[in-house]
Amino acid sequence: MRKRSKYRPKPILQNPVGYVIESLTPVAKHDSYLIDLKIKNHLAMTHLTKGEATRADIDKLISVVNVVEALYRLGFGREYKDVVNAGLDALHAVGVRGATTDRFILRSQEMNDLNAVMELHDAQLDVITIKDMEKALALVEAEYRAKKMRPIVEKQK
C-alpha cells in the first residue's frame, strides 16, 4: 500500500479583492446577521436566568465568552480584564454545577458577571471588523485544538 502524501493544497480565493474589502467592513454594518447573533445570545442568557437553560444554551454562552476572551487578547477591551475573568469563572461554575443534572442554575453574582460579559460582547461587536472576528474565531479554534481550554467536567482517571 502506498503512503499518503502530506501535501494538502490551500484553498484559493475566488475573489481576493472582494475578500479584502469585506474583511475591512465593520461587523455592525451587517445588521441582519448581527441582530440574529445578538438575539440568539441574549435568548440563551434569558433562559439561563429563568432556570430553563439547556446544554445548547450553555454551549452558546460558552461560545460568546470564548469570543469575548479572544477579542480581549487581540486588544479589544484591554481595560476589562476583570470582567472577562469573572465571566469565565462564573460560566465555569454554572457548567460544573449543572453538568451532571442538566439543570443550570445561576447565583446572583454569577448573573451579574455574565450580564457584564454580554454587554462587553455587544460593545466589541459594534467596533470590530470581519477580519478581527475571523482572527478571534481562529484563536478560539487553535486553543481548542491545543486543548488549552478549561474543561467544564474533568476527565476521570
N, C-alpha and C. Protein backbone atom coordinates (compact mmCIF):
# COMPACT_ATOMS: atom_id res chain seq x y z
N MET A 1 0.83 -1.17 0.00
CA MET A 1 0.00 0.00 0.00
C MET A 1 0.88 1.24 0.00
N ARG A 2 0.50 2.20 -0.79
CA ARG A 2 1.28 3.40 -0.97
C ARG A 2 1.03 4.40 0.16
N LYS A 3 2.11 5.06 0.60
CA LYS A 3 2.00 6.04 1.67
C LYS A 3 1.28 7.29 1.16
N ARG A 4 0.36 7.82 2.00
CA ARG A 4 -0.36 9.04 1.61
C ARG A 4 0.56 10.24 1.72
N SER A 5 0.41 11.11 0.78
CA SER A 5 1.20 12.33 0.78
C SER A 5 0.67 13.31 1.82
N LYS A 6 1.56 14.08 2.44
CA LYS A 6 1.16 15.08 3.41
C LYS A 6 0.71 16.38 2.74
N TYR A 7 0.89 16.47 1.45
CA TYR A 7 0.54 17.70 0.74
C TYR A 7 -0.97 17.89 0.71
N ARG A 8 -1.41 19.04 1.13
CA ARG A 8 -2.83 19.43 1.04
C ARG A 8 -2.87 20.81 0.41
N PRO A 9 -3.48 20.93 -0.73
CA PRO A 9 -3.50 22.25 -1.38
C PRO A 9 -4.30 23.25 -0.55
N LYS A 10 -3.82 24.49 -0.53
CA LYS A 10 -4.51 25.55 0.19
C LYS A 10 -5.70 26.01 -0.63
N PRO A 11 -6.77 26.45 0.07
CA PRO A 11 -7.93 26.95 -0.68
C PRO A 11 -7.57 28.22 -1.44
N ILE A 12 -8.18 28.37 -2.60
CA ILE A 12 -7.93 29.53 -3.45
C ILE A 12 -9.13 30.45 -3.35
N LEU A 13 -8.87 31.72 -3.10
CA LEU A 13 -9.95 32.71 -3.04
C LEU A 13 -10.45 33.00 -4.45
N GLN A 14 -11.75 32.94 -4.64
CA GLN A 14 -12.32 33.23 -5.94
C GLN A 14 -12.27 34.73 -6.24
N ASN A 15 -12.44 35.54 -5.20
CA ASN A 15 -12.47 36.99 -5.37
C ASN A 15 -11.62 37.62 -4.27
N PRO A 16 -10.30 37.72 -4.46
CA PRO A 16 -9.45 38.23 -3.39
C PRO A 16 -9.72 39.70 -3.04
N VAL A 17 -10.04 40.51 -4.02
CA VAL A 17 -10.33 41.92 -3.76
C VAL A 17 -11.61 42.05 -2.94
N GLY A 18 -12.62 41.28 -3.29
CA GLY A 18 -13.86 41.29 -2.53
C GLY A 18 -13.65 40.82 -1.10
N TYR A 19 -12.76 39.84 -0.94
CA TYR A 19 -12.46 39.33 0.40
C TYR A 19 -11.80 40.42 1.26
N VAL A 20 -10.87 41.16 0.67
CA VAL A 20 -10.19 42.22 1.42
C VAL A 20 -11.17 43.33 1.77
N ILE A 21 -12.00 43.71 0.82
CA ILE A 21 -12.98 44.78 1.09
C ILE A 21 -13.96 44.32 2.17
N GLU A 22 -14.42 43.09 2.09
CA GLU A 22 -15.36 42.56 3.08
C GLU A 22 -14.71 42.47 4.45
N SER A 23 -13.43 42.12 4.51
CA SER A 23 -12.78 41.98 5.81
C SER A 23 -12.53 43.32 6.48
N LEU A 24 -12.56 44.41 5.73
CA LEU A 24 -12.37 45.73 6.31
C LEU A 24 -13.67 46.37 6.78
N THR A 25 -14.80 45.79 6.45
CA THR A 25 -16.08 46.37 6.87
C THR A 25 -16.37 45.98 8.32
N PRO A 26 -16.93 46.89 9.07
CA PRO A 26 -17.28 46.56 10.47
C PRO A 26 -18.39 45.52 10.54
N VAL A 27 -18.39 44.75 11.60
CA VAL A 27 -19.44 43.75 11.81
C VAL A 27 -20.78 44.45 11.96
N ALA A 28 -20.78 45.65 12.52
CA ALA A 28 -22.03 46.39 12.75
C ALA A 28 -22.74 46.75 11.45
N LYS A 29 -22.04 46.74 10.32
CA LYS A 29 -22.67 47.04 9.03
C LYS A 29 -23.55 45.89 8.54
N HIS A 30 -23.33 44.70 9.05
CA HIS A 30 -24.13 43.54 8.68
C HIS A 30 -25.28 43.43 9.67
N ASP A 31 -26.28 44.28 9.51
CA ASP A 31 -27.33 44.42 10.51
C ASP A 31 -28.10 43.13 10.76
N SER A 32 -28.54 42.46 9.70
CA SER A 32 -29.39 41.28 9.91
C SER A 32 -28.62 40.16 10.61
N TYR A 33 -27.37 39.94 10.22
CA TYR A 33 -26.57 38.90 10.87
C TYR A 33 -26.30 39.27 12.32
N LEU A 34 -25.94 40.53 12.56
CA LEU A 34 -25.62 40.98 13.90
C LEU A 34 -26.83 40.90 14.83
N ILE A 35 -27.98 41.28 14.32
CA ILE A 35 -29.20 41.23 15.13
C ILE A 35 -29.55 39.78 15.46
N ASP A 36 -29.46 38.89 14.48
CA ASP A 36 -29.74 37.46 14.74
C ASP A 36 -28.78 36.90 15.79
N LEU A 37 -27.50 37.26 15.69
CA LEU A 37 -26.50 36.77 16.63
C LEU A 37 -26.80 37.28 18.04
N LYS A 38 -27.10 38.56 18.16
CA LYS A 38 -27.39 39.12 19.48
C LYS A 38 -28.66 38.52 20.07
N ILE A 39 -29.67 38.29 19.24
CA ILE A 39 -30.92 37.71 19.74
C ILE A 39 -30.67 36.30 20.28
N LYS A 40 -29.91 35.49 19.53
CA LYS A 40 -29.62 34.12 19.97
C LYS A 40 -28.83 34.12 21.28
N ASN A 41 -27.84 35.01 21.38
CA ASN A 41 -27.02 35.06 22.58
C ASN A 41 -27.84 35.52 23.79
N HIS A 42 -28.63 36.56 23.60
CA HIS A 42 -29.42 37.08 24.72
C HIS A 42 -30.56 36.13 25.09
N LEU A 43 -31.07 35.39 24.13
CA LEU A 43 -32.11 34.40 24.44
C LEU A 43 -31.53 33.27 25.30
N ALA A 44 -30.31 32.85 24.99
CA ALA A 44 -29.65 31.83 25.81
C ALA A 44 -29.42 32.36 27.22
N MET A 45 -29.04 33.62 27.34
CA MET A 45 -28.83 34.22 28.66
C MET A 45 -30.15 34.34 29.41
N THR A 46 -31.22 34.67 28.70
CA THR A 46 -32.54 34.76 29.33
C THR A 46 -33.00 33.40 29.85
N HIS A 47 -32.78 32.37 29.06
CA HIS A 47 -33.14 31.02 29.51
C HIS A 47 -32.35 30.65 30.76
N LEU A 48 -31.07 31.03 30.80
CA LEU A 48 -30.24 30.72 31.96
C LEU A 48 -30.73 31.47 33.19
N THR A 49 -31.10 32.72 33.04
CA THR A 49 -31.57 33.48 34.20
C THR A 49 -32.91 32.97 34.71
N LYS A 50 -33.73 32.41 33.83
CA LYS A 50 -35.01 31.86 34.25
C LYS A 50 -34.88 30.44 34.80
N GLY A 51 -33.72 29.82 34.64
CA GLY A 51 -33.53 28.45 35.11
C GLY A 51 -34.00 27.43 34.10
N GLU A 52 -34.19 27.82 32.85
CA GLU A 52 -34.69 26.93 31.80
C GLU A 52 -33.62 26.58 30.77
N ALA A 53 -32.37 26.82 31.09
CA ALA A 53 -31.29 26.63 30.12
C ALA A 53 -31.04 25.15 29.83
N THR A 54 -30.77 24.88 28.57
CA THR A 54 -30.40 23.54 28.14
C THR A 54 -28.90 23.54 27.83
N ARG A 55 -28.40 22.38 27.46
CA ARG A 55 -26.98 22.30 27.09
C ARG A 55 -26.68 23.18 25.86
N ALA A 56 -27.63 23.28 24.94
CA ALA A 56 -27.42 24.12 23.76
C ALA A 56 -27.27 25.59 24.16
N ASP A 57 -28.06 26.04 25.13
CA ASP A 57 -27.94 27.42 25.61
C ASP A 57 -26.58 27.65 26.27
N ILE A 58 -26.14 26.69 27.06
CA ILE A 58 -24.84 26.81 27.71
C ILE A 58 -23.73 26.80 26.67
N ASP A 59 -23.87 25.99 25.62
CA ASP A 59 -22.87 25.97 24.55
C ASP A 59 -22.79 27.33 23.86
N LYS A 60 -23.94 27.97 23.64
CA LYS A 60 -23.94 29.31 23.04
C LYS A 60 -23.22 30.30 23.93
N LEU A 61 -23.50 30.24 25.22
CA LEU A 61 -22.86 31.16 26.15
C LEU A 61 -21.36 30.89 26.26
N ILE A 62 -20.97 29.64 26.18
CA ILE A 62 -19.54 29.30 26.18
C ILE A 62 -18.88 29.90 24.94
N SER A 63 -19.54 29.81 23.80
CA SER A 63 -19.00 30.40 22.58
C SER A 63 -18.86 31.91 22.71
N VAL A 64 -19.87 32.55 23.30
CA VAL A 64 -19.82 34.00 23.49
C VAL A 64 -18.64 34.38 24.36
N VAL A 65 -18.48 33.70 25.48
CA VAL A 65 -17.40 34.04 26.41
C VAL A 65 -16.04 33.74 25.80
N ASN A 66 -15.93 32.67 25.01
CA ASN A 66 -14.67 32.37 24.33
C ASN A 66 -14.31 33.47 23.33
N VAL A 67 -15.29 33.96 22.59
CA VAL A 67 -15.04 35.04 21.63
C VAL A 67 -14.67 36.33 22.36
N VAL A 68 -15.35 36.61 23.47
CA VAL A 68 -15.01 37.81 24.25
C VAL A 68 -13.56 37.73 24.73
N GLU A 69 -13.15 36.56 25.22
CA GLU A 69 -11.77 36.41 25.68
C GLU A 69 -10.78 36.54 24.53
N ALA A 70 -11.11 35.97 23.37
CA ALA A 70 -10.22 36.07 22.21
C ALA A 70 -10.09 37.52 21.74
N LEU A 71 -11.21 38.23 21.69
CA LEU A 71 -11.15 39.64 21.29
C LEU A 71 -10.40 40.47 22.33
N TYR A 72 -10.54 40.11 23.59
CA TYR A 72 -9.77 40.78 24.64
C TYR A 72 -8.27 40.56 24.41
N ARG A 73 -7.89 39.34 24.08
CA ARG A 73 -6.48 39.05 23.82
C ARG A 73 -5.96 39.78 22.60
N LEU A 74 -6.85 40.04 21.63
CA LEU A 74 -6.45 40.76 20.43
C LEU A 74 -6.41 42.27 20.65
N GLY A 75 -6.82 42.72 21.82
CA GLY A 75 -6.69 44.14 22.14
C GLY A 75 -7.99 44.91 22.20
N PHE A 76 -9.12 44.26 22.08
CA PHE A 76 -10.41 44.94 22.14
C PHE A 76 -10.96 44.83 23.56
N GLY A 77 -10.87 45.93 24.30
CA GLY A 77 -11.36 45.94 25.67
C GLY A 77 -10.30 45.53 26.67
N ARG A 78 -9.09 46.00 26.49
CA ARG A 78 -7.99 45.65 27.40
C ARG A 78 -8.28 46.05 28.84
N GLU A 79 -9.05 47.12 29.03
CA GLU A 79 -9.32 47.60 30.39
C GLU A 79 -10.36 46.77 31.11
N TYR A 80 -10.94 45.77 30.45
CA TYR A 80 -11.98 44.95 31.05
C TYR A 80 -11.50 43.55 31.40
N LYS A 81 -10.27 43.44 31.84
CA LYS A 81 -9.69 42.14 32.20
C LYS A 81 -10.50 41.47 33.32
N ASP A 82 -10.88 42.26 34.32
CA ASP A 82 -11.63 41.69 35.45
C ASP A 82 -12.98 41.16 35.00
N VAL A 83 -13.64 41.86 34.08
CA VAL A 83 -14.95 41.44 33.57
C VAL A 83 -14.82 40.11 32.84
N VAL A 84 -13.80 39.99 32.01
CA VAL A 84 -13.60 38.76 31.23
C VAL A 84 -13.31 37.59 32.16
N ASN A 85 -12.40 37.77 33.11
CA ASN A 85 -12.05 36.69 34.02
C ASN A 85 -13.22 36.29 34.92
N ALA A 86 -13.97 37.28 35.39
CA ALA A 86 -15.13 36.97 36.23
C ALA A 86 -16.20 36.22 35.43
N GLY A 87 -16.39 36.60 34.17
CA GLY A 87 -17.36 35.89 33.33
C GLY A 87 -16.94 34.46 33.05
N LEU A 88 -15.65 34.26 32.80
CA LEU A 88 -15.15 32.89 32.58
C LEU A 88 -15.37 32.03 33.82
N ASP A 89 -15.04 32.59 34.98
CA ASP A 89 -15.21 31.83 36.22
C ASP A 89 -16.68 31.54 36.51
N ALA A 90 -17.55 32.52 36.27
CA ALA A 90 -18.98 32.34 36.54
C ALA A 90 -19.57 31.26 35.64
N LEU A 91 -19.23 31.31 34.36
CA LEU A 91 -19.77 30.31 33.43
C LEU A 91 -19.23 28.92 33.76
N HIS A 92 -17.98 28.84 34.17
CA HIS A 92 -17.40 27.55 34.55
C HIS A 92 -18.12 27.00 35.77
N ALA A 93 -18.40 27.86 36.74
CA ALA A 93 -19.08 27.40 37.95
C ALA A 93 -20.49 26.89 37.64
N VAL A 94 -21.21 27.61 36.78
CA VAL A 94 -22.56 27.18 36.39
C VAL A 94 -22.49 25.86 35.64
N GLY A 95 -21.52 25.73 34.75
CA GLY A 95 -21.38 24.50 33.98
C GLY A 95 -21.04 23.30 34.84
N VAL A 96 -20.16 23.50 35.82
CA VAL A 96 -19.78 22.40 36.71
C VAL A 96 -20.97 21.94 37.53
N ARG A 97 -21.74 22.91 38.06
CA ARG A 97 -22.90 22.54 38.87
C ARG A 97 -23.97 21.81 38.07
N GLY A 98 -24.14 22.19 36.80
CA GLY A 98 -25.22 21.60 36.02
C GLY A 98 -24.80 20.47 35.10
N ALA A 99 -23.53 20.11 35.10
CA ALA A 99 -23.03 19.11 34.15
C ALA A 99 -23.68 17.74 34.35
N THR A 100 -23.89 17.35 35.57
CA THR A 100 -24.43 16.02 35.83
C THR A 100 -25.95 15.99 35.81
N THR A 101 -26.59 17.08 36.21
CA THR A 101 -28.05 17.08 36.33
C THR A 101 -28.76 17.76 35.16
N ASP A 102 -28.02 18.47 34.30
CA ASP A 102 -28.59 19.26 33.20
C ASP A 102 -29.53 20.35 33.71
N ARG A 103 -29.32 20.79 34.94
CA ARG A 103 -30.07 21.93 35.50
C ARG A 103 -29.05 23.01 35.79
N PHE A 104 -29.11 24.06 35.01
CA PHE A 104 -28.14 25.14 35.13
C PHE A 104 -28.79 26.31 35.87
N ILE A 105 -28.40 26.49 37.12
CA ILE A 105 -28.97 27.50 37.99
C ILE A 105 -27.89 28.52 38.32
N LEU A 106 -28.25 29.81 38.18
CA LEU A 106 -27.31 30.89 38.46
C LEU A 106 -27.41 31.36 39.91
N ARG A 107 -26.30 31.85 40.40
CA ARG A 107 -26.28 32.61 41.64
C ARG A 107 -26.25 34.09 41.26
N SER A 108 -26.54 34.96 42.20
CA SER A 108 -26.70 36.38 41.86
C SER A 108 -25.40 36.99 41.32
N GLN A 109 -24.26 36.69 41.93
CA GLN A 109 -23.00 37.27 41.46
C GLN A 109 -22.64 36.72 40.07
N GLU A 110 -22.94 35.46 39.83
CA GLU A 110 -22.68 34.87 38.51
C GLU A 110 -23.55 35.54 37.45
N MET A 111 -24.80 35.86 37.81
CA MET A 111 -25.68 36.54 36.87
C MET A 111 -25.13 37.92 36.53
N ASN A 112 -24.66 38.64 37.54
CA ASN A 112 -24.08 39.96 37.30
C ASN A 112 -22.84 39.87 36.41
N ASP A 113 -21.98 38.88 36.68
CA ASP A 113 -20.76 38.72 35.89
C ASP A 113 -21.07 38.36 34.44
N LEU A 114 -22.03 37.46 34.23
CA LEU A 114 -22.38 37.07 32.87
C LEU A 114 -23.09 38.20 32.12
N ASN A 115 -23.90 38.99 32.82
CA ASN A 115 -24.52 40.15 32.17
C ASN A 115 -23.46 41.16 31.73
N ALA A 116 -22.43 41.35 32.55
CA ALA A 116 -21.35 42.27 32.19
C ALA A 116 -20.59 41.75 30.97
N VAL A 117 -20.38 40.44 30.89
CA VAL A 117 -19.70 39.85 29.73
C VAL A 117 -20.54 40.02 28.47
N MET A 118 -21.85 39.85 28.60
CA MET A 118 -22.74 40.02 27.44
C MET A 118 -22.70 41.48 26.94
N GLU A 119 -22.68 42.43 27.87
CA GLU A 119 -22.57 43.83 27.48
C GLU A 119 -21.24 44.10 26.78
N LEU A 120 -20.16 43.53 27.30
CA LEU A 120 -18.85 43.69 26.68
C LEU A 120 -18.85 43.07 25.28
N HIS A 121 -19.47 41.91 25.13
CA HIS A 121 -19.55 41.25 23.82
C HIS A 121 -20.30 42.13 22.82
N ASP A 122 -21.42 42.71 23.24
CA ASP A 122 -22.17 43.59 22.34
C ASP A 122 -21.35 44.82 21.96
N ALA A 123 -20.61 45.37 22.92
CA ALA A 123 -19.77 46.53 22.62
C ALA A 123 -18.63 46.17 21.68
N GLN A 124 -18.05 44.98 21.88
CA GLN A 124 -16.97 44.54 20.99
C GLN A 124 -17.49 44.34 19.57
N LEU A 125 -18.68 43.78 19.44
CA LEU A 125 -19.24 43.56 18.10
C LEU A 125 -19.52 44.88 17.37
N ASP A 126 -19.75 45.94 18.11
CA ASP A 126 -20.01 47.23 17.49
C ASP A 126 -18.75 47.87 16.91
N VAL A 127 -17.56 47.49 17.39
CA VAL A 127 -16.34 48.16 16.95
C VAL A 127 -15.41 47.30 16.09
N ILE A 128 -15.59 45.99 16.07
CA ILE A 128 -14.64 45.15 15.33
C ILE A 128 -15.03 45.03 13.86
N THR A 129 -14.06 44.58 13.07
CA THR A 129 -14.31 44.30 11.66
C THR A 129 -14.45 42.79 11.46
N ILE A 130 -14.80 42.42 10.24
CA ILE A 130 -14.94 40.99 9.92
C ILE A 130 -13.59 40.28 10.09
N LYS A 131 -12.51 40.92 9.70
CA LYS A 131 -11.19 40.32 9.84
C LYS A 131 -10.84 40.08 11.31
N ASP A 132 -11.20 41.03 12.18
CA ASP A 132 -10.96 40.84 13.61
C ASP A 132 -11.76 39.65 14.14
N MET A 133 -12.99 39.50 13.67
CA MET A 133 -13.81 38.37 14.11
C MET A 133 -13.21 37.06 13.62
N GLU A 134 -12.70 37.04 12.38
CA GLU A 134 -12.05 35.83 11.87
C GLU A 134 -10.82 35.48 12.69
N LYS A 135 -10.04 36.49 13.08
CA LYS A 135 -8.86 36.24 13.92
C LYS A 135 -9.27 35.67 15.27
N ALA A 136 -10.32 36.23 15.85
CA ALA A 136 -10.78 35.75 17.15
C ALA A 136 -11.26 34.31 17.06
N LEU A 137 -12.03 33.99 16.03
CA LEU A 137 -12.51 32.62 15.86
C LEU A 137 -11.36 31.66 15.60
N ALA A 138 -10.34 32.09 14.85
CA ALA A 138 -9.17 31.25 14.62
C ALA A 138 -8.41 31.01 15.92
N LEU A 139 -8.34 32.04 16.78
CA LEU A 139 -7.67 31.89 18.07
C LEU A 139 -8.43 30.90 18.96
N VAL A 140 -9.75 30.99 18.98
CA VAL A 140 -10.55 30.06 19.77
C VAL A 140 -10.36 28.63 19.25
N GLU A 141 -10.37 28.47 17.94
CA GLU A 141 -10.20 27.14 17.35
C GLU A 141 -8.81 26.57 17.65
N ALA A 142 -7.78 27.41 17.59
CA ALA A 142 -6.43 26.95 17.89
C ALA A 142 -6.30 26.54 19.35
N GLU A 143 -6.91 27.30 20.25
CA GLU A 143 -6.89 26.95 21.67
C GLU A 143 -7.61 25.62 21.90
N TYR A 144 -8.71 25.43 21.20
CA TYR A 144 -9.48 24.19 21.35
C TYR A 144 -8.68 22.99 20.85
N ARG A 145 -8.04 23.14 19.69
CA ARG A 145 -7.25 22.04 19.14
C ARG A 145 -6.05 21.70 20.02
N ALA A 146 -5.46 22.75 20.64
CA ALA A 146 -4.30 22.53 21.50
C ALA A 146 -4.70 22.08 22.90
N LYS A 147 -6.00 21.97 23.15
CA LYS A 147 -6.55 21.54 24.44
C LYS A 147 -6.08 22.43 25.58
N LYS A 148 -6.03 23.74 25.32
CA LYS A 148 -5.64 24.71 26.33
C LYS A 148 -6.83 25.29 27.07
N MET A 149 -8.04 24.94 26.64
CA MET A 149 -9.24 25.47 27.27
C MET A 149 -9.54 24.71 28.56
N ARG A 150 -10.14 25.41 29.49
CA ARG A 150 -10.51 24.79 30.77
C ARG A 150 -11.78 23.99 30.57
N PRO A 151 -11.74 22.67 30.79
CA PRO A 151 -12.94 21.86 30.59
C PRO A 151 -13.95 22.06 31.71
N ILE A 152 -15.22 21.90 31.36
CA ILE A 152 -16.29 22.02 32.36
C ILE A 152 -16.22 20.83 33.32
N VAL A 153 -16.11 19.64 32.76
CA VAL A 153 -16.04 18.43 33.57
C VAL A 153 -14.69 17.78 33.34
N GLU A 154 -13.96 17.57 34.41
CA GLU A 154 -12.63 16.94 34.31
C GLU A 154 -12.80 15.47 33.95
N LYS A 155 -11.87 14.95 33.16
CA LYS A 155 -11.91 13.53 32.80
C LYS A 155 -11.53 12.69 34.02
N GLN A 156 -12.24 11.57 34.17
CA GLN A 156 -11.95 10.65 35.26
C GLN A 156 -10.76 9.79 34.91
N LYS A 157 -9.86 9.60 35.85
CA LYS A 157 -8.68 8.78 35.58
C LYS A 157 -8.83 7.41 36.17
